[in-house]
Amino acid sequence: MTKLGRLTQRVTVAVLWLTVMASAAHAHGGIAGPDELGPPVITSVVLGVACYWAVLLWPSRRENDAPKVNRVTRRAVR
């Protein structure tokens, strides 16, 4: 399966899960209306996506103390 296919599948499952859970909670009186619920949900989604990409794109730690070894040096060491 391609990356786009996996992404589409995951987004679809997430949207379906949110829809089912929100409608079930609303039917039992356990959730506020869309006017009260929309802004916190949107804010949490934006923060979640931003934090995910911040962690994913954070530069890795590099060891500057390690000597650089090129191909010629590697052959001589063997």
PDB file of N, CA and C in Angstrom:
ATOM      1  N   MET A   1       0.841  -1.165   0.000  1.00  0.00           N
ATOM      2  CA  MET A   1       0.000   0.000   0.000  1.00  0.00           C
ATOM      3  C   MET A   1       0.896   1.240   0.000  1.00  0.00           C
ATOM      4  N   THR A   2       0.530   2.227  -0.780  1.00  0.00           N
ATOM      5  CA  THR A   2       1.342   3.438  -0.880  1.00  0.00           C
ATOM      6  C   THR A   2       1.160   4.321   0.340  1.00  0.00           C
ATOM      7  N   LYS A   3       2.040   5.287   0.469  1.00  0.00           N
ATOM      8  CA  LYS A   3       1.957   6.212   1.600  1.00  0.00           C
ATOM      9  C   LYS A   3       0.651   6.990   1.571  1.00  0.00           C
ATOM     10  N   LEU A   4       0.241   7.414   0.391  1.00  0.00           N
ATOM     11  CA  LEU A   4      -1.008   8.168   0.270  1.00  0.00           C
ATOM     12  C   LEU A   4      -2.198   7.293   0.632  1.00  0.00           C
ATOM     13  N   GLY A   5      -2.151   6.038   0.251  1.00  0.00           N
ATOM     14  CA  GLY A   5      -3.236   5.112   0.591  1.00  0.00           C
ATOM     15  C   GLY A   5      -3.326   4.871   2.084  1.00  0.00           C
ATOM     16  N   ARG A   6      -2.161   4.704   2.735  1.00  0.00           N
ATOM     17  CA  ARG A   6      -2.147   4.512   4.191  1.00  0.00           C
ATOM     18  C   ARG A   6      -2.644   5.762   4.910  1.00  0.00           C
ATOM     19  N   LEU A   7      -2.213   6.935   4.433  1.00  0.00           N
ATOM     20  CA  LEU A   7      -2.653   8.188   5.033  1.00  0.00           C
ATOM     21  C   LEU A   7      -4.162   8.355   4.892  1.00  0.00           C
ATOM     22  N   THR A   8      -4.684   8.073   3.713  1.00  0.00           N
ATOM     23  CA  THR A   8      -6.119   8.167   3.481  1.00  0.00           C
ATOM     24  C   THR A   8      -6.875   7.208   4.383  1.00  0.00           C
ATOM     25  N   GLN A   9      -6.379   6.004   4.521  1.00  0.00           N
ATOM     26  CA  GLN A   9      -7.033   5.012   5.378  1.00  0.00           C
ATOM     27  C   GLN A   9      -7.036   5.472   6.835  1.00  0.00           C
ATOM     28  N   ARG A  10      -5.925   5.973   7.309  1.00  0.00           N
ATOM     29  CA  ARG A  10      -5.832   6.412   8.703  1.00  0.00           C
ATOM     30  C   ARG A  10      -6.713   7.618   8.975  1.00  0.00           C
ATOM     31  N   VAL A  11      -6.734   8.571   8.047  1.00  0.00           N
ATOM     32  CA  VAL A  11      -7.588   9.753   8.219  1.00  0.00           C
ATOM     33  C   VAL A  11      -9.056   9.348   8.211  1.00  0.00           C
ATOM     34  N   THR A  12      -9.426   8.436   7.326  1.00  0.00           N
ATOM     35  CA  THR A  12     -10.809   7.968   7.270  1.00  0.00           C
ATOM     36  C   THR A  12     -11.214   7.288   8.565  1.00  0.00           C
ATOM     37  N   VAL A  13     -10.361   6.430   9.087  1.00  0.00           N
ATOM     38  CA  VAL A  13     -10.661   5.751  10.353  1.00  0.00           C
ATOM     39  C   VAL A  13     -10.782   6.759  11.486  1.00  0.00           C
ATOM     40  N   ALA A  14      -9.898   7.746  11.528  1.00  0.00           N
ATOM     41  CA  ALA A  14      -9.955   8.760  12.588  1.00  0.00           C
ATOM     42  C   ALA A  14     -11.234   9.576  12.513  1.00  0.00           C
ATOM     43  N   VAL A  15     -11.623   9.977  11.320  1.00  0.00           N
ATOM     44  CA  VAL A  15     -12.854  10.766  11.158  1.00  0.00           C
ATOM     45  C   VAL A  15     -14.072   9.932  11.523  1.00  0.00           C
ATOM     46  N   LEU A  16     -14.112   8.686  11.086  1.00  0.00           N
ATOM     47  CA  LEU A  16     -15.236   7.815  11.438  1.00  0.00           C
ATOM     48  C   LEU A  16     -15.315   7.588  12.946  1.00  0.00           C
ATOM     49  N   TRP A  17     -14.170   7.359  13.579  1.00  0.00           N
ATOM     50  CA  TRP A  17     -14.151   7.140  15.023  1.00  0.00           C
ATOM     51  C   TRP A  17     -14.639   8.376  15.760  1.00  0.00           C
ATOM     52  N   LEU A  18     -14.163   9.553  15.362  1.00  0.00           N
ATOM     53  CA  LEU A  18     -14.609  10.789  16.004  1.00  0.00           C
ATOM     54  C   LEU A  18     -16.104  11.014  15.801  1.00  0.00           C
ATOM     55  N   THR A  19     -16.601  10.719  14.615  1.00  0.00           N
ATOM     56  CA  THR A  19     -18.021  10.905  14.332  1.00  0.00           C
ATOM     57  C   THR A  19     -18.865   9.963  15.176  1.00  0.00           C
ATOM     58  N   VAL A  20     -18.476   8.704  15.250  1.00  0.00           N
ATOM     59  CA  VAL A  20     -19.252   7.730  16.021  1.00  0.00           C
ATOM     60  C   VAL A  20     -19.218   8.069  17.506  1.00  0.00           C
ATOM     61  N   MET A  21     -18.041   8.390  18.027  1.00  0.00           N
ATOM     62  CA  MET A  21     -17.937   8.691  19.454  1.00  0.00           C
ATOM     63  C   MET A  21     -18.680   9.978  19.809  1.00  0.00           C
ATOM     64  N   ALA A  22     -18.574  10.997  18.973  1.00  0.00           N
ATOM     65  CA  ALA A  22     -19.260  12.263  19.251  1.00  0.00           C
ATOM     66  C   ALA A  22     -20.769  12.100  19.180  1.00  0.00           C
ATOM     67  N   SER A  23     -21.246  11.358  18.192  1.00  0.00           N
ATOM     68  CA  SER A  23     -22.697  11.176  18.081  1.00  0.00           C
ATOM     69  C   SER A  23     -23.225  10.294  19.209  1.00  0.00           C
ATOM     70  N   ALA A  24     -22.490   9.295  19.621  1.00  0.00           N
ATOM     71  CA  ALA A  24     -22.933   8.441  20.729  1.00  0.00           C
ATOM     72  C   ALA A  24     -22.959   9.230  22.034  1.00  0.00           C
ATOM     73  N   ALA A  25     -21.962  10.045  22.276  1.00  0.00           N
ATOM     74  CA  ALA A  25     -21.931  10.850  23.496  1.00  0.00           C
ATOM     75  C   ALA A  25     -23.024  11.901  23.473  1.00  0.00           C
ATOM     76  N   HIS A  26     -23.288  12.496  22.327  1.00  0.00           N
ATOM     77  CA  HIS A  26     -24.336  13.519  22.216  1.00  0.00           C
ATOM     78  C   HIS A  26     -25.708  12.898  22.428  1.00  0.00           C
ATOM     79  N   ALA A  27     -25.898  11.686  21.939  1.00  0.00           N
ATOM     80  CA  ALA A  27     -27.190  11.015  22.088  1.00  0.00           C
ATOM     81  C   ALA A  27     -27.487  10.704  23.552  1.00  0.00           C
ATOM     82  N   HIS A  28     -26.482  10.518  24.353  1.00  0.00           N
ATOM     83  CA  HIS A  28     -26.670  10.209  25.764  1.00  0.00           C
ATOM     84  C   HIS A  28     -26.540  11.439  26.648  1.00  0.00           C
ATOM     85  N   GLY A  29     -26.443  12.609  26.061  1.00  0.00           N
ATOM     86  CA  GLY A  29     -26.389  13.845  26.829  1.00  0.00           C
ATOM     87  C   GLY A  29     -25.055  14.102  27.481  1.00  0.00           C
ATOM     88  N   GLY A  30     -24.028  13.441  27.071  1.00  0.00           N
ATOM     89  CA  GLY A  30     -22.729  13.591  27.715  1.00  0.00           C
ATOM     90  C   GLY A  30     -21.784  14.528  27.015  1.00  0.00           C
ATOM     91  N   ILE A  31     -22.279  15.292  26.062  1.00  0.00           N
ATOM     92  CA  ILE A  31     -21.379  16.157  25.309  1.00  0.00           C
ATOM     93  C   ILE A  31     -22.094  17.470  24.992  1.00  0.00           C
ATOM     94  N   ALA A  32     -21.339  18.523  24.895  1.00  0.00           N
ATOM     95  CA  ALA A  32     -21.903  19.823  24.571  1.00  0.00           C
ATOM     96  C   ALA A  32     -22.207  19.902  23.075  1.00  0.00           C
ATOM     97  N   GLY A  33     -22.852  20.949  22.697  1.00  0.00           N
ATOM     98  CA  GLY A  33     -23.179  21.150  21.289  1.00  0.00           C
ATOM     99  C   GLY A  33     -21.963  21.553  20.482  1.00  0.00           C
ATOM    100  N   PRO A  34     -22.121  21.604  19.171  1.00  0.00           N
ATOM    101  CA  PRO A  34     -20.991  21.944  18.300  1.00  0.00           C
ATOM    102  C   PRO A  34     -20.453  23.354  18.546  1.00  0.00           C
ATOM    103  N   ASP A  35     -21.315  24.271  19.006  1.00  0.00           N
ATOM    104  CA  ASP A  35     -20.848  25.633  19.280  1.00  0.00           C
ATOM    105  C   ASP A  35     -19.856  25.655  20.437  1.00  0.00           C
ATOM    106  N   GLU A  36     -20.085  24.819  21.432  1.00  0.00           N
ATOM    107  CA  GLU A  36     -19.202  24.785  22.591  1.00  0.00           C
ATOM    108  C   GLU A  36     -18.044  23.814  22.393  1.00  0.00           C
ATOM    109  N   LEU A  37     -18.234  22.799  21.597  1.00  0.00           N
ATOM    110  CA  LEU A  37     -17.224  21.755  21.436  1.00  0.00           C
ATOM    111  C   LEU A  37     -16.229  22.041  20.316  1.00  0.00           C
ATOM    112  N   GLY A  38     -16.650  22.769  19.289  1.00  0.00           N
ATOM    113  CA  GLY A  38     -15.815  23.005  18.113  1.00  0.00           C
ATOM    114  C   GLY A  38     -14.468  23.631  18.393  1.00  0.00           C
ATOM    115  N   PRO A  39     -14.428  24.807  19.035  1.00  0.00           N
ATOM    116  CA  PRO A  39     -13.127  25.461  19.244  1.00  0.00           C
ATOM    117  C   PRO A  39     -12.115  24.632  20.033  1.00  0.00           C
ATOM    118  N   PRO A  40     -12.488  23.960  21.139  1.00  0.00           N
ATOM    119  CA  PRO A  40     -11.470  23.149  21.828  1.00  0.00           C
ATOM    120  C   PRO A  40     -10.969  21.962  21.000  1.00  0.00           C
ATOM    121  N   VAL A  41     -11.858  21.354  20.240  1.00  0.00           N
ATOM    122  CA  VAL A  41     -11.438  20.219  19.407  1.00  0.00           C
ATOM    123  C   VAL A  41     -10.505  20.699  18.307  1.00  0.00           C
ATOM    124  N   ILE A  42     -10.843  21.799  17.675  1.00  0.00           N
ATOM    125  CA  ILE A  42      -9.998  22.335  16.609  1.00  0.00           C
ATOM    126  C   ILE A  42      -8.635  22.733  17.175  1.00  0.00           C
ATOM    127  N   THR A  43      -8.639  23.376  18.338  1.00  0.00           N
ATOM    128  CA  THR A  43      -7.381  23.782  18.962  1.00  0.00           C
ATOM    129  C   THR A  43      -6.519  22.569  19.302  1.00  0.00           C
ATOM    130  N   SER A  44      -7.119  21.533  19.854  1.00  0.00           N
ATOM    131  CA  SER A  44      -6.346  20.344  20.214  1.00  0.00           C
ATOM    132  C   SER A  44      -5.802  19.628  18.981  1.00  0.00           C
ATOM    133  N   VAL A  45      -6.564  19.610  17.903  1.00  0.00           N
ATOM    134  CA  VAL A  45      -6.084  18.985  16.661  1.00  0.00           C
ATOM    135  C   VAL A  45      -4.902  19.774  16.099  1.00  0.00           C
ATOM    136  N   VAL A  46      -5.015  21.090  16.082  1.00  0.00           N
ATOM    137  CA  VAL A  46      -3.929  21.929  15.557  1.00  0.00           C
ATOM    138  C   VAL A  46      -2.670  21.754  16.410  1.00  0.00           C
ATOM    139  N   LEU A  47      -2.825  21.774  17.736  1.00  0.00           N
ATOM    140  CA  LEU A  47      -1.668  21.573  18.614  1.00  0.00           C
ATOM    141  C   LEU A  47      -1.061  20.185  18.445  1.00  0.00           C
ATOM    142  N   GLY A  48      -1.900  19.170  18.299  1.00  0.00           N
ATOM    143  CA  GLY A  48      -1.401  17.813  18.108  1.00  0.00           C
ATOM    144  C   GLY A  48      -0.606  17.670  16.830  1.00  0.00           C
ATOM    145  N   VAL A  49      -1.120  18.205  15.738  1.00  0.00           N
ATOM    146  CA  VAL A  49      -0.415  18.122  14.455  1.00  0.00           C
ATOM    147  C   VAL A  49       0.885  18.919  14.509  1.00  0.00           C
ATOM    148  N   ALA A  50       0.843  20.113  15.106  1.00  0.00           N
ATOM    149  CA  ALA A  50       2.051  20.939  15.203  1.00  0.00           C
ATOM    150  C   ALA A  50       3.121  20.241  16.042  1.00  0.00           C
ATOM    151  N   CYS A  51       2.740  19.655  17.160  1.00  0.00           N
ATOM    152  CA  CYS A  51       3.711  18.959  18.003  1.00  0.00           C
ATOM    153  C   CYS A  51       4.265  17.721  17.308  1.00  0.00           C
ATOM    154  N   TYR A  52       3.425  16.996  16.590  1.00  0.00           N
ATOM    155  CA  TYR A  52       3.884  15.821  15.856  1.00  0.00           C
ATOM    156  C   TYR A  52       4.957  16.220  14.838  1.00  0.00           C
ATOM    157  N   TRP A  53       4.690  17.255  14.058  1.00  0.00           N
ATOM    158  CA  TRP A  53       5.655  17.668  13.042  1.00  0.00           C
ATOM    159  C   TRP A  53       6.888  18.289  13.669  1.00  0.00           C
ATOM    160  N   ALA A  54       6.738  18.967  14.822  1.00  0.00           N
ATOM    161  CA  ALA A  54       7.913  19.525  15.500  1.00  0.00           C
ATOM    162  C   ALA A  54       8.841  18.404  15.947  1.00  0.00           C
ATOM    163  N   VAL A  55       8.276  17.326  16.476  1.00  0.00           N
ATOM    164  CA  VAL A  55       9.096  16.192  16.915  1.00  0.00           C
ATOM    165  C   VAL A  55       9.691  15.472  15.714  1.00  0.00           C
ATOM    166  N   LEU A  56       8.911  15.301  14.680  1.00  0.00           N
ATOM    167  CA  LEU A  56       9.380  14.578  13.500  1.00  0.00           C
ATOM    168  C   LEU A  56      10.504  15.326  12.787  1.00  0.00           C
ATOM    169  N   LEU A  57      10.402  16.642  12.708  1.00  0.00           N
ATOM    170  CA  LEU A  57      11.383  17.431  11.962  1.00  0.00           C
ATOM    171  C   LEU A  57      12.506  17.986  12.828  1.00  0.00           C
ATOM    172  N   TRP A  58      12.495  17.712  14.130  1.00  0.00           N
ATOM    173  CA  TRP A  58      13.534  18.209  15.028  1.00  0.00           C
ATOM    174  C   TRP A  58      14.879  17.640  14.587  1.00  0.00           C
ATOM    175  N   PRO A  59      15.900  18.469  14.481  1.00  0.00           N
ATOM    176  CA  PRO A  59      17.200  17.954  14.021  1.00  0.00           C
ATOM    177  C   PRO A  59      17.790  16.958  15.020  1.00  0.00           C
ATOM    178  N   SER A  60      18.394  15.922  14.489  1.00  0.00           N
ATOM    179  CA  SER A  60      18.987  14.907  15.358  1.00  0.00           C
ATOM    180  C   SER A  60      20.294  15.435  15.946  1.00  0.00           C
ATOM    181  N   ARG A  61      20.672  14.870  17.067  1.00  0.00           N
ATOM    182  CA  ARG A  61      21.912  15.281  17.726  1.00  0.00           C
ATOM    183  C   ARG A  61      23.087  14.727  16.938  1.00  0.00           C
ATOM    184  N   ARG A  62      24.046  15.551  16.698  1.00  0.00           N
ATOM    185  CA  ARG A  62      25.216  15.121  15.937  1.00  0.00           C
ATOM    186  C   ARG A  62      26.436  15.171  16.834  1.00  0.00           C
ATOM    187  N   GLU A  63      27.256  14.181  16.694  1.00  0.00           N
ATOM    188  CA  GLU A  63      28.499  14.123  17.454  1.00  0.00           C
ATOM    189  C   GLU A  63      29.569  14.882  16.679  1.00  0.00           C
ATOM    190  N   ASN A  64      29.954  16.040  17.157  1.00  0.00           N
ATOM    191  CA  ASN A  64      30.993  16.828  16.483  1.00  0.00           C
ATOM    192  C   ASN A  64      32.392  16.390  16.894  1.00  0.00           C
ATOM    193  N   ASP A  65      32.492  15.633  17.985  1.00  0.00           N
ATOM    194  CA  ASP A  65      33.799  15.199  18.464  1.00  0.00           C
ATOM    195  C   ASP A  65      34.360  14.010  17.670  1.00  0.00           C
ATOM    196  N   ALA A  66      33.495  13.266  17.023  1.00  0.00           N
ATOM    197  CA  ALA A  66      33.940  12.082  16.286  1.00  0.00           C
ATOM    198  C   ALA A  66      34.727  12.511  15.050  1.00  0.00           C
ATOM    199  N   PRO A  67      35.876  11.879  14.811  1.00  0.00           N
ATOM    200  CA  PRO A  67      36.662  12.252  13.626  1.00  0.00           C
ATOM    201  C   PRO A  67      35.948  11.804  12.352  1.00  0.00           C
ATOM    202  N   LYS A  68      36.084  12.608  11.328  1.00  0.00           N
ATOM    203  CA  LYS A  68      35.495  12.274  10.032  1.00  0.00           C
ATOM    204  C   LYS A  68      36.381  11.225   9.352  1.00  0.00           C
ATOM    205  N   VAL A  69      35.743  10.168   8.866  1.00  0.00           N
ATOM    206  CA  VAL A  69      36.473   9.100   8.203  1.00  0.00           C
ATOM    207  C   VAL A  69      35.996   9.048   6.759  1.00  0.00           C
ATOM    208  N   ASN A  70      36.905   9.216   5.837  1.00  0.00           N
ATOM    209  CA  ASN A  70      36.512   9.116   4.436  1.00  0.00           C
ATOM    210  C   ASN A  70      36.816   7.714   3.906  1.00  0.00           C
ATOM    211  N   ARG A  71      36.522   7.479   2.663  1.00  0.00           N
ATOM    212  CA  ARG A  71      36.692   6.144   2.082  1.00  0.00           C
ATOM    213  C   ARG A  71      38.145   5.686   2.066  1.00  0.00           C
ATOM    214  N   VAL A  72      39.045   6.580   1.776  1.00  0.00           N
ATOM    215  CA  VAL A  72      40.460   6.216   1.692  1.00  0.00           C
ATOM    216  C   VAL A  72      40.956   5.767   3.063  1.00  0.00           C
ATOM    217  N   THR A  73      40.599   6.468   4.105  1.00  0.00           N
ATOM    218  CA  THR A  73      41.029   6.103   5.452  1.00  0.00           C
ATOM    219  C   THR A  73      40.415   4.769   5.856  1.00  0.00           C
ATOM    220  N   ARG A  74      39.158   4.545   5.510  1.00  0.00           N
ATOM    221  CA  ARG A  74      38.511   3.276   5.852  1.00  0.00           C
ATOM    222  C   ARG A  74      39.213   2.098   5.194  1.00  0.00           C
ATOM    223  N   ARG A  75      39.633   2.248   3.957  1.00  0.00           N
ATOM    224  CA  ARG A  75      40.332   1.154   3.269  1.00  0.00           C
ATOM    225  C   ARG A  75      41.667   0.874   3.917  1.00  0.00           C
ATOM    226  N   ALA A  76      42.355   1.920   4.346  1.00  0.00           N
ATOM    227  CA  ALA A  76      43.667   1.745   4.958  1.00  0.00           C
ATOM    228  C   ALA A  76      43.550   1.088   6.320  1.00  0.00           C
ATOM    229  N   VAL A  77      42.468   1.339   7.022  1.00  0.00           N
ATOM    230  CA  VAL A  77      42.272   0.766   8.360  1.00  0.00           C
ATOM    231  C   VAL A  77      42.015  -0.735   8.264  1.00  0.00           C
ATOM    232  N   ARG A  78      41.319  -1.172   7.254  1.00  0.00           N
ATOM    233  CA  ARG A  78      40.986  -2.588   7.109  1.00  0.00           C
ATOM    234  C   ARG A  78      42.205  -3.351   6.822  1.00  0.00           C
TER     235      ARG A  78
END
